[in-house]
C-alpha cells in the first residue's frame, strides 16, 4: 500500500448510506401500501406526544469538554498539564453524568488528530503517514515513566491497529493483519513497564484490556483483565459493556465465557449495581451476536434493567436503556434465523419498553435513538449531527406513539414531565 502524499478531509456521504432501506422482497412490496398507511397513522399520533427534547445534553457537553481539553493540551505540547489532569481524573474516578470515564475521554482527545488522519488515509487507500505517529512517540522520550503519556501513545497504536483491520482488511487482509500486529506489539511494549492497579489508574488497566482484546495471542486473558479493571472502577458501566463486546470472539472465550463473565462481574458489583452489571455486560453483545440471545438468562437481565434504572436516574442512561429495548430488541424480519428461545427472550426485553417509558423517561435525547439504529462499533463516517438528531427524534416519537396508542385513541395527547406522563384530553 503506497504512502499517502498528504491528508485531506473525507466528503460527507449523507444519511443514505446509514439509513437507506434495503431492496424489498416481492412480499414486502405487496404490503408497502398498507405499511405506508400505518406509518402515516403513527405519525399523526406522534404529533400528540409532548416530550421535551434535549438537542445538546449535559452528557455530551461534559464529554466534549474532556475530549477538547485533551486535544488542546496535546496540540500545545502541554503534556505536563495533561498528565496531571488524567492522573487526577483516575484518582478521583471522575465521571460524566452518564458514567463515562473522564481520563479516557481526555486520552482520546489527545490522540484524536493522529487517529483521524490515519483513518482518513486508510479510507482513501493509502498507508497512514508514519511521521505523525513518530512525532507522538517522542513524548515517551520527553516524559519517561509518566503513565498518561504512555497511555495516549499506546491507545493510538491500538486504535490504528483496529483501523487497519476494519478499513483496509477487506481489500488487503494480509497487509492489514501485518500492520495491525505491529501496532499491537508496539502498544504492548509501551504499556509493559506500568501496573495500573498499583498506580490506581483505571485508564491504564482499560488500555491493557483494549490491548488484549485486539490480540488473538492474548485474547484468553480478556475476562481476567476486565475483572481487574471493574474491581478498580466498579461504578463505570463503560468497562462492563466493553467486556461484553470484547469477549465475543472465539479467541477471547466466546458466548460461554460471556455468560460466565457477566455473572462473575454481577457478583463483584452487587453493592453498586444489584443485578445491573449482568445487563451491562450483555448490553452490546446482544446487538452484535445473535447467539447471545439464546444463552441469556432473561429474568436476570430484566432484573438488571430495573436495578440500573432505579440506581441511575440520569436521563442519558434512561434513554439508552429505552432505545435499546425499543430498537435493538424489536422483532426482526428474519425471525427464522433465531431459535424459539432467542425470540422469546428478545420479546420479553422488548416488552420492558412499556415500563421504561411510563416510569422513567422524562425527556428525549434524540442522538441516542439514532445511534441505536447503528451497530455498536460502527466504523462508517457519520452524517451531520442535525441529520442524526432529526432521525432520532422521528424514530423515538414513532415508537412511543405506537407503544402508547391506546392512551391516544380518544384524540387527546400525552405529556412527559418530571412528574411522569399525563394524559391530556382532546380540546
Protein backbone atom coordinates (compact mmCIF):
# COMPACT_ATOMS: atom_id res chain seq x y z
CA UNK A 1 0.00 0.00 0.00
CA UNK A 2 1.57 3.34 -1.03
CA UNK A 3 2.25 6.17 1.36
CA UNK A 4 -0.28 8.92 1.11
CA UNK A 5 1.20 12.23 -0.10
CA UNK A 6 -0.91 14.38 2.19
CA UNK A 7 -4.04 14.26 4.32
CA UNK A 8 -7.38 15.55 3.12
CA UNK A 9 -10.87 15.68 4.57
CA UNK A 10 -13.28 12.97 3.55
CA UNK A 11 -16.52 14.17 1.98
CA UNK A 12 -19.77 13.66 3.88
CA UNK A 13 -21.73 10.80 2.35
CA UNK A 14 -25.12 11.70 3.84
CA UNK A 15 -27.75 9.67 5.60
CA UNK A 16 -28.40 7.40 2.63
CA UNK A 17 -25.51 5.05 3.46
CA UNK A 18 -26.65 4.56 7.04
CA UNK A 19 -30.43 4.65 6.95
CA UNK A 20 -31.24 3.63 3.37
CA UNK A 21 -33.89 0.90 3.25
CA UNK A 22 -32.88 -2.43 1.75
CA UNK A 23 -34.48 -3.56 -1.51
CA UNK A 24 -37.92 -5.02 -0.68
CA UNK A 25 -38.86 -8.59 -1.44
CA UNK A 26 -41.98 -9.18 -3.58
CA UNK A 27 -43.98 -9.88 -0.43
CA UNK A 28 -42.76 -6.68 1.18
CA UNK A 29 -43.61 -4.74 -1.97
CA UNK A 30 -47.16 -6.12 -1.87
CA UNK A 31 -47.58 -4.88 1.67
CA UNK A 32 -45.98 -1.49 1.10
CA UNK A 33 -49.26 0.38 0.70
CA UNK A 34 -50.60 -0.96 4.00
CA UNK A 35 -47.32 -0.21 5.73
CA UNK A 36 -47.30 3.34 4.41
CA UNK A 37 -50.84 3.89 5.68
CA UNK A 38 -49.85 2.52 9.10
CA UNK A 39 -46.82 4.83 9.24
CA UNK A 40 -48.99 7.81 8.41
CA UNK A 41 -51.36 6.90 11.25
CA UNK A 42 -48.43 6.59 13.65
CA UNK A 43 -47.07 9.98 12.53
CA UNK A 44 -50.45 11.55 13.34
CA UNK A 45 -50.33 10.03 16.82
CA UNK A 46 -46.69 11.09 17.26
CA UNK A 47 -47.69 14.73 16.88
CA UNK A 48 -49.71 14.35 20.08
CA UNK A 49 -46.68 13.27 22.12
CA UNK A 50 -45.40 16.22 24.13
CA UNK A 51 -41.92 15.22 25.20
CA UNK A 52 -39.11 17.71 25.99
CA UNK A 53 -36.18 17.10 23.66
CA UNK A 54 -32.58 17.81 24.60
CA UNK A 55 -30.70 18.52 21.40
CA UNK A 56 -27.45 19.01 23.34
CA UNK A 57 -27.37 17.07 26.60
CA UNK A 58 -25.28 17.52 29.72
CA UNK A 59 -23.57 14.22 28.94
CA UNK A 60 -22.49 15.43 25.51
CA UNK A 61 -21.27 18.75 26.86
CA UNK A 62 -19.15 17.13 29.55
CA UNK A 63 -17.75 14.51 27.18
CA UNK A 64 -16.86 17.22 24.67
CA UNK A 65 -15.23 19.28 27.42
CA UNK A 66 -12.90 16.44 28.43
CA UNK A 67 -12.10 15.45 24.85
CA UNK A 68 -11.44 19.05 23.82
CA UNK A 69 -9.21 19.55 26.85
CA UNK A 70 -7.11 16.52 25.92
CA UNK A 71 -6.91 17.60 22.28
CA UNK A 72 -5.93 21.19 23.02
CA UNK A 73 -3.29 20.29 25.59
CA UNK A 74 -1.74 17.76 23.20
CA UNK A 75 -1.75 20.26 20.34
CA UNK A 76 0.06 22.77 22.52
CA UNK A 77 2.51 20.12 23.78
CA UNK A 78 1.37 20.79 27.36
CA UNK A 79 1.90 17.18 28.36
CA UNK A 80 2.74 18.02 31.97
CA UNK A 81 -0.70 19.57 32.42
CA UNK A 82 -2.43 16.79 30.51
CA UNK A 83 -0.71 14.13 32.60
CA UNK A 84 -1.75 15.90 35.80
CA UNK A 85 -5.39 16.08 34.71
CA UNK A 86 -5.51 12.44 33.62
CA UNK A 87 -3.95 11.33 36.90
CA UNK A 88 -6.45 13.42 38.87
CA UNK A 89 -9.38 12.00 36.90
CA UNK A 90 -8.12 8.47 37.53
CA UNK A 91 -7.55 9.03 41.23
CA UNK A 92 -11.00 10.56 41.77
CA UNK A 93 -12.79 8.24 39.30
CA UNK A 94 -14.12 11.42 37.68
CA UNK A 95 -17.20 10.52 35.59
CA UNK A 96 -19.51 12.25 33.17
CA UNK A 97 -23.20 12.48 34.20
CA UNK A 98 -23.90 9.30 32.23
CA UNK A 99 -20.96 7.40 33.75
CA UNK A 100 -18.26 7.77 31.09
CA UNK A 101 -14.62 7.94 32.21
CA UNK A 102 -13.06 11.42 32.13
CA UNK A 103 -9.49 10.15 31.99
CA UNK A 104 -10.14 8.05 28.90
CA UNK A 105 -12.01 10.89 27.23
CA UNK A 106 -9.01 13.18 27.68
CA UNK A 107 -6.70 10.47 26.36
CA UNK A 108 -8.98 10.08 23.36
CA UNK A 109 -8.88 13.80 22.65
CA UNK A 110 -5.09 13.84 22.92
CA UNK A 111 -4.70 11.22 20.16
CA UNK A 112 -7.77 12.08 18.09
CA UNK A 113 -5.97 14.19 15.45
CA UNK A 114 -3.49 11.43 14.72
CA UNK A 115 -6.05 8.62 14.66
CA UNK A 116 -8.46 10.59 12.47
CA UNK A 117 -5.68 11.29 9.96
CA UNK A 118 -4.74 7.60 9.89
CA UNK A 119 -8.36 6.57 9.32
CA UNK A 120 -8.80 9.09 6.53
CA UNK A 121 -5.67 7.81 4.81
CA UNK A 122 -6.84 4.20 5.00
CA UNK A 123 -10.30 5.09 3.71
CA UNK A 124 -8.64 6.72 0.71
CA UNK A 125 -6.42 3.71 0.03
CA UNK A 126 -3.13 4.98 1.47
CA UNK A 127 -0.98 3.87 4.38
CA UNK A 128 -1.02 6.42 7.22
CA UNK A 129 1.88 8.85 7.29
CA UNK A 130 4.41 7.33 9.75
CA UNK A 131 5.76 10.76 10.67
CA UNK A 132 2.66 11.59 12.70
CA UNK A 133 2.99 8.57 14.95
CA UNK A 134 6.75 9.04 15.18
CA UNK A 135 6.19 12.58 16.43
CA UNK A 136 3.75 11.35 19.06
CA UNK A 137 6.23 8.69 20.19
CA UNK A 138 8.73 11.45 21.02
CA UNK A 139 6.51 12.22 24.01
CA UNK A 140 7.66 8.94 25.55
CA UNK A 141 11.26 10.18 25.50
CA UNK A 142 10.31 13.57 26.91
CA UNK A 143 8.18 12.09 29.72
CA UNK A 144 9.78 8.77 30.74
CA UNK A 145 7.88 6.87 33.41
CA UNK A 146 4.81 9.16 33.17
CA UNK A 147 1.94 6.80 32.56
CA UNK A 148 -0.54 9.26 30.93
CA UNK A 149 1.97 9.83 28.11
CA UNK A 150 2.33 6.07 27.62
CA UNK A 151 -1.45 5.71 27.82
CA UNK A 152 -2.09 8.12 24.94
CA UNK A 153 0.61 6.67 22.67
CA UNK A 154 -0.35 3.05 23.34
CA UNK A 155 -4.04 3.71 22.72
CA UNK A 156 -3.15 5.48 19.47
CA UNK A 157 -1.36 2.32 18.31
CA UNK A 158 -4.35 0.16 19.32
CA UNK A 159 -6.81 2.45 17.52
CA UNK A 160 -4.71 2.41 14.36
CA UNK A 161 -4.45 -1.38 14.56
CA UNK A 162 -8.24 -1.62 14.55
CA UNK A 163 -8.40 0.88 11.69
CA UNK A 164 -6.11 -1.31 9.58
CA UNK A 165 -8.32 -4.32 10.24
CA UNK A 166 -11.69 -2.63 9.80
CA UNK A 167 -10.88 -0.35 6.87
CA UNK A 168 -8.04 -1.96 4.91
CA UNK A 169 -8.77 -5.56 5.93
CA UNK A 170 -11.23 -6.23 3.13
CA UNK A 171 -9.05 -5.01 0.29
CA UNK A 172 -5.67 -6.26 1.56
CA UNK A 173 -6.18 -8.64 4.51
CA UNK A 174 -2.59 -9.87 4.76
CA UNK A 175 -1.12 -6.37 4.77
CA UNK A 176 -3.78 -5.19 7.22
CA UNK A 177 -3.11 -8.10 9.61
CA UNK A 178 0.63 -7.49 9.44
CA UNK A 179 0.30 -3.78 10.18
CA UNK A 180 -2.24 -4.34 12.95
CA UNK A 181 0.06 -6.85 14.62
CA UNK A 182 2.97 -4.41 14.54
CA UNK A 183 0.90 -1.69 16.20
CA UNK A 184 -0.41 -4.10 18.85
CA UNK A 185 3.07 -5.32 19.72
CA UNK A 186 4.32 -1.75 19.97
CA UNK A 187 1.42 -0.87 22.30
CA UNK A 188 2.29 -3.90 24.45
CA UNK A 189 5.90 -2.73 24.77
CA UNK A 190 4.79 0.78 25.75
CA UNK A 191 2.38 -0.44 28.44
CA UNK A 192 4.64 -3.18 29.84
CA UNK A 193 6.51 -1.05 32.44
CA UNK A 194 3.27 0.15 34.10
CA UNK A 195 0.95 -1.61 36.54
CA UNK A 196 -2.40 0.16 36.51
CA UNK A 197 -3.59 -1.46 39.72
CA UNK A 198 -0.52 -0.37 41.67
CA UNK A 199 -0.78 3.12 40.18
CA UNK A 200 -4.51 3.31 40.97
CA UNK A 201 -5.08 4.16 37.30
CA UNK A 202 -8.22 2.61 35.78
CA UNK A 203 -7.41 4.19 32.41
CA UNK A 204 -4.16 2.24 32.27
CA UNK A 205 -5.89 -1.04 33.09
CA UNK A 206 -8.52 -0.21 30.46
CA UNK A 207 -5.73 0.24 27.92
CA UNK A 208 -4.37 -3.23 28.75
CA UNK A 209 -7.89 -4.64 28.33
CA UNK A 210 -8.12 -2.98 24.91
CA UNK A 211 -4.71 -4.40 24.02
CA UNK A 212 -5.68 -7.94 24.95
CA UNK A 213 -8.99 -7.64 23.14
CA UNK A 214 -7.18 -6.62 19.95
CA UNK A 215 -4.71 -9.51 20.10
CA UNK A 216 -5.64 -13.12 19.44
CA UNK A 217 -2.39 -14.10 21.20
CA UNK A 218 -3.62 -12.53 24.44
CA UNK A 219 -7.37 -12.90 24.00
CA UNK A 220 -7.77 -15.66 26.55
CA UNK A 221 -6.94 -13.12 29.28
CA UNK A 222 -9.62 -10.61 28.29
CA UNK A 223 -12.07 -11.57 31.03
CA UNK A 224 -9.34 -11.74 33.68
CA UNK A 225 -8.06 -8.25 32.79
CA UNK A 226 -11.55 -6.76 32.70
CA UNK A 227 -12.31 -8.17 36.12
CA UNK A 228 -9.26 -6.31 37.44
CA UNK A 229 -10.50 -3.12 35.81
CA UNK A 230 -14.05 -3.45 37.11
CA UNK A 231 -12.79 -4.20 40.62
CA UNK A 232 -10.76 -0.98 40.42
CA UNK A 233 -13.61 1.10 38.96
CA UNK A 234 -16.96 -0.66 39.59
CA UNK A 235 -19.11 2.42 39.06
CA UNK A 236 -18.33 2.76 35.36
CA UNK A 237 -20.63 0.80 33.02
CA UNK A 238 -18.33 1.53 30.08
CA UNK A 239 -15.95 -1.19 31.25
CA UNK A 240 -18.71 -3.79 31.58
CA UNK A 241 -20.09 -3.04 28.12
CA UNK A 242 -16.59 -3.29 26.65
CA UNK A 243 -16.10 -6.68 28.32
CA UNK A 244 -19.26 -7.95 26.65
CA UNK A 245 -18.09 -6.82 23.22
CA UNK A 246 -14.50 -7.94 23.55
CA UNK A 247 -15.19 -11.41 24.90
CA UNK A 248 -17.34 -12.45 21.92
CA UNK A 249 -14.57 -13.61 19.54
CA UNK A 250 -13.66 -17.27 19.95
CA UNK A 251 -10.06 -16.39 20.82
CA UNK A 252 -11.36 -14.38 23.80
CA UNK A 253 -13.75 -17.03 25.07
CA UNK A 254 -16.93 -16.66 23.05
CA UNK A 255 -20.51 -17.00 24.26
CA UNK A 256 -19.89 -19.37 27.16
CA UNK A 257 -17.24 -17.02 28.53
CA UNK A 258 -19.71 -14.13 28.10
CA UNK A 259 -22.27 -15.79 30.37
CA UNK A 260 -19.67 -16.74 32.98
CA UNK A 261 -18.07 -13.30 32.88
CA UNK A 262 -21.41 -11.50 33.18
CA UNK A 263 -22.34 -13.49 36.28
CA UNK A 264 -18.92 -13.03 37.88
CA UNK A 265 -19.00 -9.27 37.33
CA UNK A 266 -22.56 -9.09 38.67
CA UNK A 267 -21.43 -10.84 41.86
CA UNK A 268 -18.43 -8.48 42.17
CA UNK A 269 -20.55 -5.32 41.82
CA UNK A 270 -23.76 -6.28 43.57
CA UNK A 271 -23.45 -3.46 46.11
CA UNK A 272 -23.12 -0.87 43.34
CA UNK A 273 -25.44 -2.22 40.66
CA UNK A 274 -27.55 -5.04 42.05
CA UNK A 275 -28.02 -7.25 39.00
CA UNK A 276 -27.19 -4.34 36.72
CA UNK A 277 -23.69 -5.50 35.79
CA UNK A 278 -25.11 -8.66 34.20
CA UNK A 279 -27.21 -6.41 31.97
CA UNK A 280 -24.34 -4.06 31.13
CA UNK A 281 -22.06 -6.94 30.08
CA UNK A 282 -24.72 -8.32 27.73
CA UNK A 283 -25.88 -4.89 26.51
CA UNK A 284 -23.77 -4.58 23.34
CA UNK A 285 -23.20 -8.32 22.96
CA UNK A 286 -26.91 -8.84 22.32
CA UNK A 287 -26.74 -6.45 19.39
CA UNK A 288 -23.55 -7.94 17.98
CA UNK A 289 -24.02 -11.70 18.19
CA UNK A 290 -27.31 -13.49 17.68
CA UNK A 291 -26.36 -16.50 19.77
CA UNK A 292 -26.10 -14.40 22.92
CA UNK A 293 -29.90 -14.04 22.97
CA UNK A 294 -30.36 -17.78 23.35
CA UNK A 295 -27.80 -18.11 26.13
CA UNK A 296 -29.16 -15.14 28.09
CA UNK A 297 -30.85 -15.53 31.49
CA UNK A 298 -33.64 -13.13 30.55
CA UNK A 299 -35.09 -12.80 34.04
CA UNK A 300 -31.69 -11.85 35.43
CA UNK A 301 -31.19 -9.39 32.56
CA UNK A 302 -34.53 -7.67 33.19
CA UNK A 303 -33.82 -7.56 36.93
CA UNK A 304 -30.61 -5.79 35.98
CA UNK A 305 -32.51 -3.31 33.79
CA UNK A 306 -34.71 -2.47 36.78
CA UNK A 307 -31.69 -2.05 39.06
CA UNK A 308 -29.90 0.24 36.60
CA UNK A 309 -33.00 2.39 36.07
CA UNK A 310 -33.60 2.73 39.81
CA UNK A 311 -29.97 3.44 40.70
CA UNK A 312 -29.05 5.68 37.74
CA UNK A 313 -31.83 8.18 37.14
CA UNK A 314 -29.78 10.26 34.68
CA UNK A 315 -31.86 10.67 31.53
CA UNK A 316 -28.91 9.82 29.31
CA UNK A 317 -28.90 6.33 30.81
CA UNK A 318 -32.71 6.06 30.72
CA UNK A 319 -32.77 6.99 27.02
CA UNK A 320 -30.01 4.45 26.39
CA UNK A 321 -31.98 1.64 28.05
CA UNK A 322 -35.27 2.66 26.45
CA UNK A 323 -33.84 2.92 22.94
CA UNK A 324 -32.16 -0.47 23.40
CA UNK A 325 -35.43 -2.18 24.34
CA UNK A 326 -37.37 -0.34 21.64
CA UNK A 327 -34.98 -0.73 18.71
CA UNK A 328 -32.27 -3.31 19.35
CA UNK A 329 -34.73 -5.78 20.86
CA UNK A 330 -37.57 -5.09 18.41
CA UNK A 331 -38.90 -8.03 16.38
CA UNK A 332 -36.83 -8.58 13.25
CA UNK A 333 -37.85 -9.53 9.73
CA UNK A 334 -35.63 -12.62 9.68
CA UNK A 335 -37.30 -14.44 12.57
CA UNK A 336 -36.34 -17.86 11.22
CA UNK A 337 -32.67 -17.12 11.92
CA UNK A 338 -33.35 -17.19 15.67
CA UNK A 339 -34.27 -20.12 17.85
CA UNK A 340 -37.58 -20.08 19.65
CA UNK A 341 -35.82 -19.39 22.96
CA UNK A 342 -33.94 -16.43 21.49
CA UNK A 343 -37.17 -14.96 20.07
CA UNK A 344 -38.92 -15.33 23.41
CA UNK A 345 -36.04 -13.72 25.29
CA UNK A 346 -35.93 -10.79 22.88
CA UNK A 347 -39.69 -10.30 23.14
CA UNK A 348 -39.52 -10.17 26.94
CA UNK A 349 -36.82 -7.50 26.81
CA UNK A 350 -38.72 -5.54 24.17
CA UNK A 351 -41.77 -5.55 26.47
CA UNK A 352 -39.74 -3.61 29.06
CA UNK A 353 -40.22 -0.59 26.80
CA UNK A 354 -43.62 -0.02 28.40
CA UNK A 355 -42.47 0.48 31.99
CA UNK A 356 -39.34 2.36 30.96
CA UNK A 357 -41.50 4.89 29.08
CA UNK A 358 -44.12 5.22 31.78
CA UNK A 359 -41.95 5.10 34.89
CA UNK A 360 -38.58 6.57 33.90
CA UNK A 361 -38.41 8.50 30.60
CA UNK A 362 -38.82 12.23 31.21
CA UNK A 363 -37.01 13.84 28.28
CA UNK A 364 -35.86 12.75 24.85
CA UNK A 365 -32.21 12.55 23.82
CA UNK A 366 -32.61 12.07 20.05
CA UNK A 367 -28.97 11.36 19.30
CA UNK A 368 -29.06 8.21 21.41
CA UNK A 369 -32.01 6.88 19.43
CA UNK A 370 -30.36 7.48 16.06
CA UNK A 371 -27.11 5.91 17.31
CA UNK A 372 -29.06 2.84 18.48
CA UNK A 373 -30.13 2.31 14.87
CA UNK A 374 -26.45 1.65 14.13
CA UNK A 375 -24.45 -1.34 15.31
CA UNK A 376 -22.04 -0.92 18.25
CA UNK A 377 -18.59 -0.14 16.97
CA UNK A 378 -19.95 1.13 13.64
CA UNK A 379 -16.96 2.18 11.59
CA UNK A 380 -18.62 4.24 8.86
CA UNK A 381 -18.31 8.01 8.80
CA UNK A 382 -21.38 9.50 10.47
CA UNK A 383 -23.69 12.04 8.86
CA UNK A 384 -24.21 15.52 10.26
CA UNK A 385 -25.33 15.95 13.82
CA UNK A 386 -28.50 17.69 12.68
CA UNK A 387 -29.45 14.73 10.48
CA UNK A 388 -28.82 12.27 13.32
CA UNK A 389 -30.88 14.31 15.79
CA UNK A 390 -33.79 14.60 13.34
CA UNK A 391 -33.70 10.86 12.64
CA UNK A 392 -33.51 10.03 16.33
CA UNK A 393 -36.43 12.26 17.25
CA UNK A 394 -38.61 10.89 14.46
CA UNK A 395 -37.76 7.30 15.41
CA UNK A 396 -38.38 7.82 19.12
CA UNK A 397 -41.71 9.60 18.72
CA UNK A 398 -42.99 6.95 16.31
CA UNK A 399 -42.06 4.17 18.71
CA UNK A 400 -43.56 5.97 21.72
CA UNK A 401 -46.78 6.74 19.82
CA UNK A 402 -47.15 3.11 18.74
CA UNK A 403 -46.45 1.83 22.25
CA UNK A 404 -48.91 4.23 23.90
CA UNK A 405 -51.51 4.29 21.14
CA UNK A 406 -54.25 3.08 23.48
CA UNK A 407 -53.73 6.23 25.58
CA UNK A 408 -54.15 8.40 22.48
CA UNK A 409 -57.25 6.83 20.97
CA UNK A 410 -59.61 9.45 22.47
CA UNK A 411 -57.92 12.20 20.46
CA UNK A 412 -56.00 13.63 23.39
CA UNK A 413 -52.28 13.91 23.93
CA UNK A 414 -49.62 12.60 26.31
CA UNK A 415 -47.27 14.90 28.20
CA UNK A 416 -43.93 13.79 29.66
CA UNK A 417 -42.58 15.77 32.62
CA UNK A 418 -40.50 15.23 35.78
CA UNK A 419 -43.76 14.14 37.45
CA UNK A 420 -44.21 11.34 34.94
CA UNK A 421 -46.58 11.00 31.98
CA UNK A 422 -50.02 12.55 31.93
CA UNK A 423 -52.97 12.14 29.57
CA UNK A 424 -54.35 15.40 28.28
CA UNK A 425 -57.94 15.32 26.96
CA UNK A 426 -58.73 16.50 23.46
CA UNK A 427 -59.59 20.19 23.33
